[in-house]
């Protein structure tokens, strides 16, 4: 018998805070992606360099954690190849 388990789906997302413009924001922390899943769990997913890639909260709604990590990987890869 094969059982599949549904992975939690992201239902809300917050991004930030964003650093001040350079050079003042040089030492500011990078913005963080934090999400809440349909099972009630909340989680920090990752931080990113906003001068290289960007995200909107809406992009994460409906994704699994794995899909959200893949989104970041794909954006990083595209930036590095540009």
PDB file of N, CA and C in Angstrom:
ATOM      1  N   UNK A   1       0.845  -1.181   0.000  1.00  0.00           N
ATOM      2  CA  UNK A   1       0.000   0.000   0.000  1.00  0.00           C
ATOM      3  C   UNK A   1       0.887   1.240   0.000  1.00  0.00           C
ATOM      4  N   UNK A   2       0.628   2.137  -0.928  1.00  0.00           N
ATOM      5  CA  UNK A   2       1.433   3.344  -1.070  1.00  0.00           C
ATOM      6  C   UNK A   2       0.641   4.547  -0.571  1.00  0.00           C
ATOM      7  N   UNK A   3       1.222   5.275   0.373  1.00  0.00           N
ATOM      8  CA  UNK A   3       0.538   6.460   0.910  1.00  0.00           C
ATOM      9  C   UNK A   3       1.320   7.705   0.531  1.00  0.00           C
ATOM     10  N   UNK A   4       0.601   8.742   0.168  1.00  0.00           N
ATOM     11  CA  UNK A   4       1.267  10.010  -0.114  1.00  0.00           C
ATOM     12  C   UNK A   4       0.782  11.024   0.909  1.00  0.00           C
ATOM     13  N   UNK A   5       1.669  11.844   1.348  1.00  0.00           N
ATOM     14  CA  UNK A   5       1.347  12.868   2.332  1.00  0.00           C
ATOM     15  C   UNK A   5       1.421  14.228   1.657  1.00  0.00           C
ATOM     16  N   UNK A   6       0.388  15.006   1.841  1.00  0.00           N
ATOM     17  CA  UNK A   6       0.390  16.346   1.276  1.00  0.00           C
ATOM     18  C   UNK A   6       1.360  17.222   2.051  1.00  0.00           C
ATOM     19  N   UNK A   7       2.153  17.958   1.324  1.00  0.00           N
ATOM     20  CA  UNK A   7       3.081  18.888   1.955  1.00  0.00           C
ATOM     21  C   UNK A   7       2.339  20.181   2.253  1.00  0.00           C
ATOM     22  N   UNK A   8       2.704  20.850   3.357  1.00  0.00           N
ATOM     23  CA  UNK A   8       2.037  22.113   3.696  1.00  0.00           C
ATOM     24  C   UNK A   8       2.209  23.145   2.579  1.00  0.00           C
ATOM     25  N   UNK A   9       1.170  23.939   2.386  1.00  0.00           N
ATOM     26  CA  UNK A   9       1.138  24.975   1.349  1.00  0.00           C
ATOM     27  C   UNK A   9       1.240  26.341   2.022  1.00  0.00           C
ATOM     28  N   UNK A  10       2.008  27.233   1.416  1.00  0.00           N
ATOM     29  CA  UNK A  10       2.176  28.592   1.947  1.00  0.00           C
ATOM     30  C   UNK A  10       0.884  29.378   1.727  1.00  0.00           C
ATOM     31  N   UNK A  11       0.383  29.979   2.816  1.00  0.00           N
ATOM     32  CA  UNK A  11      -0.845  30.780   2.731  1.00  0.00           C
ATOM     33  C   UNK A  11      -0.589  32.267   2.957  1.00  0.00           C
ATOM     34  N   UNK A  12       0.565  32.612   3.553  1.00  0.00           N
ATOM     35  CA  UNK A  12       0.931  34.023   3.669  1.00  0.00           C
ATOM     36  C   UNK A  12       2.442  34.152   3.708  1.00  0.00           C
ATOM     37  N   UNK A  13       2.907  35.332   3.325  1.00  0.00           N
ATOM     38  CA  UNK A  13       4.343  35.566   3.205  1.00  0.00           C
ATOM     39  C   UNK A  13       4.643  37.007   3.580  1.00  0.00           C
ATOM     40  N   UNK A  14       5.773  37.212   4.250  1.00  0.00           N
ATOM     41  CA  UNK A  14       6.254  38.575   4.480  1.00  0.00           C
ATOM     42  C   UNK A  14       7.713  38.644   4.052  1.00  0.00           C
ATOM     43  N   UNK A  15       8.065  39.783   3.487  1.00  0.00           N
ATOM     44  CA  UNK A  15       9.425  40.002   2.990  1.00  0.00           C
ATOM     45  C   UNK A  15       9.954  41.284   3.605  1.00  0.00           C
ATOM     46  N   UNK A  16      11.164  41.230   4.166  1.00  0.00           N
ATOM     47  CA  UNK A  16      11.771  42.449   4.678  1.00  0.00           C
ATOM     48  C   UNK A  16      12.464  42.202   6.004  1.00  0.00           C
ATOM     49  N   UNK A  17      12.914  43.227   6.662  1.00  0.00           N
ATOM     50  CA  UNK A  17      12.944  44.594   6.127  1.00  0.00           C
ATOM     51  C   UNK A  17      14.071  44.758   5.115  1.00  0.00           C
ATOM     52  N   UNK A  18      13.886  45.694   4.216  1.00  0.00           N
ATOM     53  CA  UNK A  18      14.912  45.960   3.204  1.00  0.00           C
ATOM     54  C   UNK A  18      15.983  46.884   3.776  1.00  0.00           C
ATOM     55  N   UNK A  19      17.250  46.696   3.361  1.00  0.00           N
ATOM     56  CA  UNK A  19      18.317  47.577   3.839  1.00  0.00           C
ATOM     57  C   UNK A  19      18.168  48.981   3.260  1.00  0.00           C
ATOM     58  N   UNK A  20      18.780  49.926   3.953  1.00  0.00           N
ATOM     59  CA  UNK A  20      18.838  51.298   3.439  1.00  0.00           C
ATOM     60  C   UNK A  20      19.688  51.302   2.164  1.00  0.00           C
ATOM     61  N   UNK A  21      19.499  52.297   1.305  1.00  0.00           N
ATOM     62  CA  UNK A  21      20.332  52.371   0.092  1.00  0.00           C
ATOM     63  C   UNK A  21      21.820  52.430   0.444  1.00  0.00           C
ATOM     64  N   UNK A  22      22.632  51.908  -0.446  1.00  0.00           N
ATOM     65  CA  UNK A  22      24.092  51.952  -0.245  1.00  0.00           C
ATOM     66  C   UNK A  22      24.582  53.378  -0.405  1.00  0.00           C
ATOM     67  N   UNK A  23      25.610  53.824   0.270  1.00  0.00           N
ATOM     68  CA  UNK A  23      26.471  53.026   1.134  1.00  0.00           C
ATOM     69  C   UNK A  23      25.955  52.912   2.582  1.00  0.00           C
ATOM     70  N   UNK A  24      24.918  53.697   2.985  1.00  0.00           N
ATOM     71  CA  UNK A  24      24.456  53.662   4.375  1.00  0.00           C
ATOM     72  C   UNK A  24      24.002  52.266   4.797  1.00  0.00           C
ATOM     73  N   UNK A  25      23.379  51.526   3.890  1.00  0.00           N
ATOM     74  CA  UNK A  25      22.835  50.222   4.234  1.00  0.00           C
ATOM     75  C   UNK A  25      23.800  49.068   4.116  1.00  0.00           C
ATOM     76  N   UNK A  26      25.083  49.388   3.916  1.00  0.00           N
ATOM     77  CA  UNK A  26      26.105  48.356   3.686  1.00  0.00           C
ATOM     78  C   UNK A  26      26.079  47.251   4.748  1.00  0.00           C
ATOM     79  N   UNK A  27      25.870  47.609   6.009  1.00  0.00           N
ATOM     80  CA  UNK A  27      25.918  46.622   7.085  1.00  0.00           C
ATOM     81  C   UNK A  27      24.527  46.191   7.550  1.00  0.00           C
ATOM     82  N   UNK A  28      23.481  46.681   6.897  1.00  0.00           N
ATOM     83  CA  UNK A  28      22.119  46.276   7.256  1.00  0.00           C
ATOM     84  C   UNK A  28      21.908  44.803   6.915  1.00  0.00           C
ATOM     85  N   UNK A  29      21.070  44.116   7.690  1.00  0.00           N
ATOM     86  CA  UNK A  29      20.777  42.724   7.336  1.00  0.00           C
ATOM     87  C   UNK A  29      19.994  42.648   6.031  1.00  0.00           C
ATOM     88  N   UNK A  30      20.110  41.525   5.358  1.00  0.00           N
ATOM     89  CA  UNK A  30      19.393  41.314   4.103  1.00  0.00           C
ATOM     90  C   UNK A  30      17.917  41.014   4.411  1.00  0.00           C
ATOM     91  N   UNK A  31      17.018  41.310   3.461  1.00  0.00           N
ATOM     92  CA  UNK A  31      15.607  40.999   3.695  1.00  0.00           C
ATOM     93  C   UNK A  31      15.389  39.491   3.810  1.00  0.00           C
ATOM     94  N   UNK A  32      14.411  39.142   4.649  1.00  0.00           N
ATOM     95  CA  UNK A  32      14.091  37.744   4.903  1.00  0.00           C
ATOM     96  C   UNK A  32      12.722  37.397   4.327  1.00  0.00           C
ATOM     97  N   UNK A  33      12.609  36.165   3.887  1.00  0.00           N
ATOM     98  CA  UNK A  33      11.323  35.607   3.469  1.00  0.00           C
ATOM     99  C   UNK A  33      10.818  34.759   4.633  1.00  0.00           C
ATOM    100  N   UNK A  34       9.668  35.161   5.176  1.00  0.00           N
ATOM    101  CA  UNK A  34       9.018  34.395   6.249  1.00  0.00           C
ATOM    102  C   UNK A  34       7.624  34.024   5.766  1.00  0.00           C
ATOM    103  N   UNK A  35       7.231  32.784   6.025  1.00  0.00           N
ATOM    104  CA  UNK A  35       5.946  32.298   5.517  1.00  0.00           C
ATOM    105  C   UNK A  35       5.136  31.610   6.610  1.00  0.00           C
ATOM    106  N   UNK A  36       3.830  31.514   6.349  1.00  0.00           N
ATOM    107  CA  UNK A  36       2.928  30.723   7.183  1.00  0.00           C
ATOM    108  C   UNK A  36       2.266  29.698   6.275  1.00  0.00           C
ATOM    109  N   UNK A  37       2.196  28.465   6.767  1.00  0.00           N
ATOM    110  CA  UNK A  37       1.637  27.358   5.997  1.00  0.00           C
ATOM    111  C   UNK A  37       0.189  27.090   6.394  1.00  0.00           C
ATOM    112  N   UNK A  38      -0.503  26.339   5.548  1.00  0.00           N
ATOM    113  CA  UNK A  38      -1.912  26.023   5.807  1.00  0.00           C
ATOM    114  C   UNK A  38      -2.113  25.145   7.042  1.00  0.00           C
ATOM    115  N   UNK A  39      -1.051  24.571   7.580  1.00  0.00           N
ATOM    116  CA  UNK A  39      -1.163  23.788   8.811  1.00  0.00           C
ATOM    117  C   UNK A  39      -0.875  24.636  10.053  1.00  0.00           C
ATOM    118  N   UNK A  40      -0.662  25.961   9.851  1.00  0.00           N
ATOM    119  CA  UNK A  40      -0.416  26.873  10.967  1.00  0.00           C
ATOM    120  C   UNK A  40       1.048  27.123  11.282  1.00  0.00           C
ATOM    121  N   UNK A  41       1.942  26.304  10.743  1.00  0.00           N
ATOM    122  CA  UNK A  41       3.376  26.516  10.998  1.00  0.00           C
ATOM    123  C   UNK A  41       3.857  27.805  10.354  1.00  0.00           C
ATOM    124  N   UNK A  42       4.776  28.481  11.034  1.00  0.00           N
ATOM    125  CA  UNK A  42       5.431  29.664  10.470  1.00  0.00           C
ATOM    126  C   UNK A  42       6.914  29.365  10.400  1.00  0.00           C
ATOM    127  N   UNK A  43       7.559  29.876   9.341  1.00  0.00           N
ATOM    128  CA  UNK A  43       8.959  29.515   9.128  1.00  0.00           C
ATOM    129  C   UNK A  43       9.719  30.608   8.390  1.00  0.00           C
ATOM    130  N   UNK A  44      10.979  30.792   8.776  1.00  0.00           N
ATOM    131  CA  UNK A  44      11.933  31.604   8.016  1.00  0.00           C
ATOM    132  C   UNK A  44      12.439  30.706   6.899  1.00  0.00           C
ATOM    133  N   UNK A  45      12.326  31.169   5.645  1.00  0.00           N
ATOM    134  CA  UNK A  45      12.806  30.354   4.527  1.00  0.00           C
ATOM    135  C   UNK A  45      14.230  30.701   4.126  1.00  0.00           C
ATOM    136  N   UNK A  46      14.475  31.989   3.856  1.00  0.00           N
ATOM    137  CA  UNK A  46      15.813  32.396   3.426  1.00  0.00           C
ATOM    138  C   UNK A  46      15.910  33.912   3.408  1.00  0.00           C
ATOM    139  N   UNK A  47      17.143  34.392   3.270  1.00  0.00           N
ATOM    140  CA  UNK A  47      17.364  35.812   3.025  1.00  0.00           C
ATOM    141  C   UNK A  47      17.982  35.928   1.643  1.00  0.00           C
ATOM    142  N   UNK A  48      17.984  37.159   1.103  1.00  0.00           N
ATOM    143  CA  UNK A  48      18.495  37.325  -0.259  1.00  0.00           C
ATOM    144  C   UNK A  48      19.101  38.714  -0.420  1.00  0.00           C
ATOM    145  N   UNK A  49      19.880  38.874  -1.475  1.00  0.00           N
ATOM    146  CA  UNK A  49      20.508  40.157  -1.795  1.00  0.00           C
ATOM    147  C   UNK A  49      19.582  40.916  -2.748  1.00  0.00           C
ATOM    148  N   UNK A  50      18.918  41.977  -2.264  1.00  0.00           N
ATOM    149  CA  UNK A  50      17.924  42.662  -3.086  1.00  0.00           C
ATOM    150  C   UNK A  50      18.507  43.424  -4.272  1.00  0.00           C
ATOM    151  N   UNK A  51      19.828  43.607  -4.302  1.00  0.00           N
ATOM    152  CA  UNK A  51      20.433  44.246  -5.476  1.00  0.00           C
ATOM    153  C   UNK A  51      20.687  43.218  -6.582  1.00  0.00           C
ATOM    154  N   UNK A  52      20.448  41.934  -6.287  1.00  0.00           N
ATOM    155  CA  UNK A  52      20.656  40.870  -7.276  1.00  0.00           C
ATOM    156  C   UNK A  52      19.345  40.243  -7.733  1.00  0.00           C
ATOM    157  N   UNK A  53      18.462  39.947  -6.790  1.00  0.00           N
ATOM    158  CA  UNK A  53      17.184  39.309  -7.126  1.00  0.00           C
ATOM    159  C   UNK A  53      16.070  39.938  -6.303  1.00  0.00           C
ATOM    160  N   UNK A  54      14.827  39.747  -6.728  1.00  0.00           N
ATOM    161  CA  UNK A  54      13.700  40.289  -5.968  1.00  0.00           C
ATOM    162  C   UNK A  54      12.535  39.300  -5.992  1.00  0.00           C
ATOM    163  N   UNK A  55      11.640  39.487  -5.042  1.00  0.00           N
ATOM    164  CA  UNK A  55      10.473  38.632  -4.898  1.00  0.00           C
ATOM    165  C   UNK A  55       9.289  39.499  -4.495  1.00  0.00           C
ATOM    166  N   UNK A  56       8.088  38.968  -4.731  1.00  0.00           N
ATOM    167  CA  UNK A  56       6.880  39.576  -4.178  1.00  0.00           C
ATOM    168  C   UNK A  56       6.203  38.529  -3.304  1.00  0.00           C
ATOM    169  N   UNK A  57       5.486  38.993  -2.298  1.00  0.00           N
ATOM    170  CA  UNK A  57       4.813  38.067  -1.384  1.00  0.00           C
ATOM    171  C   UNK A  57       3.902  37.111  -2.151  1.00  0.00           C
ATOM    172  N   UNK A  58       3.180  37.628  -3.146  1.00  0.00           N
ATOM    173  CA  UNK A  58       2.199  36.832  -3.880  1.00  0.00           C
ATOM    174  C   UNK A  58       2.822  35.622  -4.581  1.00  0.00           C
ATOM    175  N   UNK A  59       4.100  35.712  -4.956  1.00  0.00           N
ATOM    176  CA  UNK A  59       4.755  34.599  -5.653  1.00  0.00           C
ATOM    177  C   UNK A  59       4.816  33.333  -4.806  1.00  0.00           C
ATOM    178  N   UNK A  60       4.776  33.491  -3.483  1.00  0.00           N
ATOM    179  CA  UNK A  60       4.955  32.344  -2.590  1.00  0.00           C
ATOM    180  C   UNK A  60       3.641  31.665  -2.209  1.00  0.00           C
ATOM    181  N   UNK A  61       2.527  32.371  -2.361  1.00  0.00           N
ATOM    182  CA  UNK A  61       1.227  31.824  -1.966  1.00  0.00           C
ATOM    183  C   UNK A  61       0.901  30.615  -2.840  1.00  0.00           C
ATOM    184  N   UNK A  62       0.574  29.503  -2.190  1.00  0.00           N
ATOM    185  CA  UNK A  62       0.233  28.281  -2.906  1.00  0.00           C
ATOM    186  C   UNK A  62       1.409  27.350  -3.146  1.00  0.00           C
ATOM    187  N   UNK A  63       2.636  27.792  -2.824  1.00  0.00           N
ATOM    188  CA  UNK A  63       3.809  26.940  -3.019  1.00  0.00           C
ATOM    189  C   UNK A  63       4.069  26.087  -1.782  1.00  0.00           C
ATOM    190  N   UNK A  64       4.790  24.997  -1.975  1.00  0.00           N
ATOM    191  CA  UNK A  64       5.335  24.237  -0.847  1.00  0.00           C
ATOM    192  C   UNK A  64       6.678  24.872  -0.481  1.00  0.00           C
ATOM    193  N   UNK A  65       7.239  24.485   0.659  1.00  0.00           N
ATOM    194  CA  UNK A  65       8.561  25.000   1.033  1.00  0.00           C
ATOM    195  C   UNK A  65       9.593  24.638  -0.028  1.00  0.00           C
ATOM    196  N   UNK A  66       9.522  23.417  -0.531  1.00  0.00           N
ATOM    197  CA  UNK A  66      10.459  22.961  -1.561  1.00  0.00           C
ATOM    198  C   UNK A  66      10.344  23.831  -2.820  1.00  0.00           C
ATOM    199  N   UNK A  67       9.118  24.142  -3.227  1.00  0.00           N
ATOM    200  CA  UNK A  67       8.909  24.982  -4.413  1.00  0.00           C
ATOM    201  C   UNK A  67       9.437  26.390  -4.186  1.00  0.00           C
ATOM    202  N   UNK A  68       9.273  26.913  -2.974  1.00  0.00           N
ATOM    203  CA  UNK A  68       9.768  28.253  -2.652  1.00  0.00           C
ATOM    204  C   UNK A  68      11.298  28.292  -2.694  1.00  0.00           C
ATOM    205  N   UNK A  69      11.940  27.253  -2.179  1.00  0.00           N
ATOM    206  CA  UNK A  69      13.408  27.182  -2.227  1.00  0.00           C
ATOM    207  C   UNK A  69      13.874  27.086  -3.683  1.00  0.00           C
ATOM    208  N   UNK A  70      13.123  26.363  -4.496  1.00  0.00           N
ATOM    209  CA  UNK A  70      13.459  26.220  -5.913  1.00  0.00           C
ATOM    210  C   UNK A  70      13.354  27.570  -6.634  1.00  0.00           C
ATOM    211  N   UNK A  71      12.341  28.355  -6.255  1.00  0.00           N
ATOM    212  CA  UNK A  71      12.171  29.694  -6.829  1.00  0.00           C
ATOM    213  C   UNK A  71      13.417  30.537  -6.570  1.00  0.00           C
ATOM    214  N   UNK A  72      13.926  30.503  -5.333  1.00  0.00           N
ATOM    215  CA  UNK A  72      15.144  31.258  -5.018  1.00  0.00           C
ATOM    216  C   UNK A  72      16.334  30.728  -5.821  1.00  0.00           C
ATOM    217  N   UNK A  73      16.478  29.416  -5.868  1.00  0.00           N
ATOM    218  CA  UNK A  73      17.584  28.811  -6.613  1.00  0.00           C
ATOM    219  C   UNK A  73      17.556  29.266  -8.070  1.00  0.00           C
ATOM    220  N   UNK A  74      16.375  29.215  -8.674  1.00  0.00           N
ATOM    221  CA  UNK A  74      16.246  29.607 -10.086  1.00  0.00           C
ATOM    222  C   UNK A  74      16.579  31.079 -10.295  1.00  0.00           C
ATOM    223  N   UNK A  75      16.146  31.948  -9.373  1.00  0.00           N
ATOM    224  CA  UNK A  75      16.467  33.385  -9.500  1.00  0.00           C
ATOM    225  C   UNK A  75      17.965  33.622  -9.352  1.00  0.00           C
ATOM    226  N   UNK A  76      18.595  32.962  -8.359  1.00  0.00           N
ATOM    227  CA  UNK A  76      20.037  33.103  -8.176  1.00  0.00           C
ATOM    228  C   UNK A  76      20.778  32.646  -9.430  1.00  0.00           C
ATOM    229  N   UNK A  77      20.366  31.513  -9.952  1.00  0.00           N
ATOM    230  CA  UNK A  77      21.025  30.950 -11.136  1.00  0.00           C
ATOM    231  C   UNK A  77      20.898  31.907 -12.322  1.00  0.00           C
ATOM    232  N   UNK A  78      19.693  32.430 -12.534  1.00  0.00           N
ATOM    233  CA  UNK A  78      19.479  33.366 -13.644  1.00  0.00           C
ATOM    234  C   UNK A  78      20.348  34.616 -13.474  1.00  0.00           C
ATOM    235  N   UNK A  79      20.425  35.138 -12.231  1.00  0.00           N
ATOM    236  CA  UNK A  79      21.256  36.319 -11.983  1.00  0.00           C
ATOM    237  C   UNK A  79      22.728  36.021 -12.286  1.00  0.00           C
ATOM    238  N   UNK A  80      23.215  34.894 -11.809  1.00  0.00           N
ATOM    239  CA  UNK A  80      24.628  34.546 -11.996  1.00  0.00           C
ATOM    240  C   UNK A  80      24.976  34.286 -13.467  1.00  0.00           C
ATOM    241  N   UNK A  81      23.993  33.870 -14.250  1.00  0.00           N
ATOM    242  CA  UNK A  81      24.235  33.598 -15.665  1.00  0.00           C
ATOM    243  C   UNK A  81      24.049  34.831 -16.531  1.00  0.00           C
ATOM    244  N   UNK A  82      23.559  35.934 -15.943  1.00  0.00           N
ATOM    245  CA  UNK A  82      23.306  37.125 -16.752  1.00  0.00           C
ATOM    246  C   UNK A  82      24.566  37.963 -16.938  1.00  0.00           C
TER     247      UNK A  82
END
